[in-house]
Amino acid sequence: MINKQKIKLFLVDDDALYLKSLEIEFMERGEFKIETYPTGELCIENLNHNPDIIILDYELSGIDKKAMNGIDVLDKIKAYDPEIPVIMLSSQDKIEVAVNCMHHKAFDYVVKSETAFLRLNKIIPAIFRFKKMEKQLSWYMERM
């Protein structure tokens, strides 16, 4: 665990079964305080809960066809706080989709598959290593 505090993790997916399976997988690790949301709109409404990381589905129109899509939600999250790392999750394995997510400042893109959870488990520590490096760089630049 990081600093003996639980990592606040938002999981956002309109597929209730997939959302629950992700929640269970992360809960078993014990390092996370998890909030789940079936829509991007609910996620945005609760950004004041200060998540450390958000895992966001690319397609969010399964419940409501008029719902915001993942890219729109990602843009709103970044407008609220550009420092919140967002990992995009999708069943689409098209490179164009992944590149589009990265252009909108997603930290990473994961295809929903049998190895998605393993991949997420590797990305989360990388986020904290990256943040630590950013802090060190900032410290260094201040002294130049």
Protein backbone atom coordinates (compact mmCIF):
# COMPACT_ATOMS: atom_id res chain seq x y z
CA MET A 1 0.00 0.00 0.00
CA ILE A 2 1.07 3.56 -0.63
CA ASN A 3 1.75 5.45 2.64
CA LYS A 4 -0.49 2.93 4.47
CA GLN A 5 -3.52 4.76 3.10
CA LYS A 6 -5.95 3.07 0.80
CA ILE A 7 -5.95 4.22 -2.80
CA LYS A 8 -9.27 5.82 -3.70
CA LEU A 9 -10.35 4.17 -6.93
CA PHE A 10 -13.34 5.13 -9.06
CA LEU A 11 -14.65 2.40 -11.35
CA VAL A 12 -16.99 3.65 -14.08
CA ASP A 13 -18.74 1.18 -16.39
CA ASP A 14 -22.30 0.78 -17.63
CA ASP A 15 -21.95 -3.02 -17.75
CA ALA A 16 -23.11 -3.93 -14.23
CA LEU A 17 -21.59 -7.41 -14.33
CA TYR A 18 -18.19 -6.19 -15.49
CA LEU A 19 -18.28 -3.32 -12.99
CA LYS A 20 -19.01 -5.74 -10.13
CA SER A 21 -16.28 -8.14 -11.23
CA LEU A 22 -13.73 -5.30 -11.29
CA GLU A 23 -14.88 -4.15 -7.87
CA ILE A 24 -14.50 -7.67 -6.43
CA GLU A 25 -11.04 -8.11 -7.96
CA PHE A 26 -9.79 -4.83 -6.51
CA MET A 27 -11.51 -5.36 -3.14
CA GLU A 28 -9.69 -8.67 -2.71
CA ARG A 29 -6.38 -6.80 -2.85
CA GLY A 30 -7.38 -4.73 0.18
CA GLU A 31 -5.39 -1.67 -0.92
CA PHE A 32 -8.32 0.23 -2.35
CA LYS A 33 -11.26 2.29 -1.27
CA ILE A 34 -13.61 1.83 -4.20
CA GLU A 35 -16.51 3.85 -5.52
CA THR A 36 -18.43 2.46 -8.49
CA TYR A 37 -20.53 4.39 -10.97
CA PRO A 38 -22.71 3.07 -13.81
CA THR A 39 -22.58 6.40 -15.67
CA GLY A 40 -20.00 9.05 -16.38
CA GLU A 41 -22.40 11.71 -15.16
CA LEU A 42 -22.43 10.15 -11.67
CA CYS A 43 -18.65 9.94 -11.67
CA ILE A 44 -18.38 13.63 -12.54
CA GLU A 45 -20.87 14.56 -9.81
CA ASN A 46 -18.65 12.83 -7.26
CA LEU A 47 -15.20 14.07 -8.30
CA ASN A 48 -15.16 16.09 -5.08
CA HIS A 49 -14.50 12.74 -3.33
CA ASN A 50 -10.95 13.14 -4.71
CA PRO A 51 -10.17 9.85 -6.42
CA ASP A 52 -6.52 8.86 -6.77
CA ILE A 53 -7.25 6.92 -9.98
CA ILE A 54 -10.26 6.48 -12.26
CA ILE A 55 -10.84 3.45 -14.45
CA LEU A 56 -13.31 4.59 -17.09
CA ASP A 57 -15.19 2.66 -19.74
CA TYR A 58 -14.91 4.04 -23.26
CA GLU A 59 -18.54 3.25 -24.18
CA LEU A 60 -21.07 4.34 -21.59
CA SER A 61 -24.35 4.20 -23.51
CA GLY A 62 -25.52 0.73 -22.45
CA ILE A 63 -27.99 2.02 -19.86
CA ASP A 64 -28.92 5.35 -21.42
CA LYS A 65 -28.32 5.95 -25.12
CA LYS A 66 -28.03 9.70 -24.38
CA ALA A 67 -25.35 9.18 -21.73
CA MET A 68 -21.98 10.85 -22.09
CA ASN A 69 -19.36 8.67 -23.73
CA GLY A 70 -16.04 7.91 -22.10
CA ILE A 71 -14.11 10.56 -24.03
CA ASP A 72 -16.57 13.29 -22.96
CA VAL A 73 -16.31 12.11 -19.36
CA LEU A 74 -12.51 12.01 -19.61
CA ASP A 75 -12.48 15.60 -20.87
CA LYS A 76 -14.69 16.72 -17.95
CA ILE A 77 -12.47 14.91 -15.44
CA LYS A 78 -9.37 16.58 -16.87
CA ALA A 79 -11.11 19.98 -16.82
CA TYR A 80 -11.94 19.41 -13.14
CA ASP A 81 -8.42 18.22 -12.23
CA PRO A 82 -5.83 17.44 -14.89
CA GLU A 83 -3.75 15.53 -12.33
CA ILE A 84 -6.26 12.68 -11.84
CA PRO A 85 -4.92 9.67 -13.74
CA VAL A 86 -7.59 8.03 -15.89
CA ILE A 87 -7.22 4.56 -17.36
CA MET A 88 -9.59 3.97 -20.25
CA LEU A 89 -11.13 0.53 -20.57
CA SER A 90 -12.86 -0.77 -23.67
CA SER A 91 -13.84 -3.88 -25.56
CA GLN A 92 -12.52 -2.18 -28.71
CA ASP A 93 -9.02 -3.19 -29.67
CA LYS A 94 -8.62 -0.62 -32.43
CA ILE A 95 -5.44 1.40 -32.29
CA GLU A 96 -7.32 4.54 -33.35
CA VAL A 97 -9.50 4.32 -30.24
CA ALA A 98 -6.47 3.93 -27.97
CA VAL A 99 -4.67 6.84 -29.66
CA ASN A 100 -7.77 9.02 -29.34
CA CYS A 101 -7.92 8.31 -25.61
CA MET A 102 -4.26 9.23 -25.23
CA HIS A 103 -4.83 12.49 -27.13
CA HIS A 104 -7.48 13.30 -24.53
CA LYS A 105 -4.89 12.75 -21.79
CA ALA A 106 -5.79 9.26 -20.58
CA PHE A 107 -2.90 7.70 -18.65
CA ASP A 108 -3.36 4.39 -20.43
CA TYR A 109 -5.78 2.27 -22.43
CA VAL A 110 -6.73 -1.32 -21.60
CA VAL A 111 -8.76 -3.67 -23.77
CA LYS A 112 -11.38 -5.65 -21.85
CA SER A 113 -10.14 -9.21 -22.01
CA GLU A 114 -9.21 -12.07 -19.73
CA THR A 115 -5.91 -10.29 -18.98
CA ALA A 116 -7.36 -6.80 -18.38
CA PHE A 117 -7.22 -7.05 -14.58
CA LEU A 118 -3.58 -8.20 -14.68
CA ARG A 119 -2.75 -5.27 -16.92
CA LEU A 120 -4.56 -2.84 -14.59
CA ASN A 121 -2.56 -4.23 -11.68
CA LYS A 122 0.65 -3.32 -13.51
CA ILE A 123 -0.51 0.14 -14.55
CA ILE A 124 -1.58 1.34 -11.09
CA PRO A 125 1.91 1.09 -9.52
CA ALA A 126 3.31 2.74 -12.68
CA ILE A 127 1.02 5.71 -12.05
CA PHE A 128 2.52 6.24 -8.61
CA ARG A 129 6.07 5.82 -9.92
CA PHE A 130 5.28 8.43 -12.60
CA LYS A 131 3.81 10.84 -10.04
CA LYS A 132 6.90 10.41 -7.85
CA MET A 133 9.15 11.17 -10.83
CA GLU A 134 7.09 14.28 -11.61
CA LYS A 135 7.58 15.49 -8.02
CA GLN A 136 11.31 14.85 -8.22
CA LEU A 137 11.54 16.68 -11.54
CA SER A 138 9.61 19.62 -10.12
CA TRP A 139 11.98 19.74 -7.12
CA TYR A 140 14.96 19.66 -9.46
CA MET A 141 13.60 22.38 -11.76
CA GLU A 142 12.93 24.69 -8.80
CA ARG A 143 16.60 24.52 -7.87
CA MET A 144 17.97 25.33 -11.33
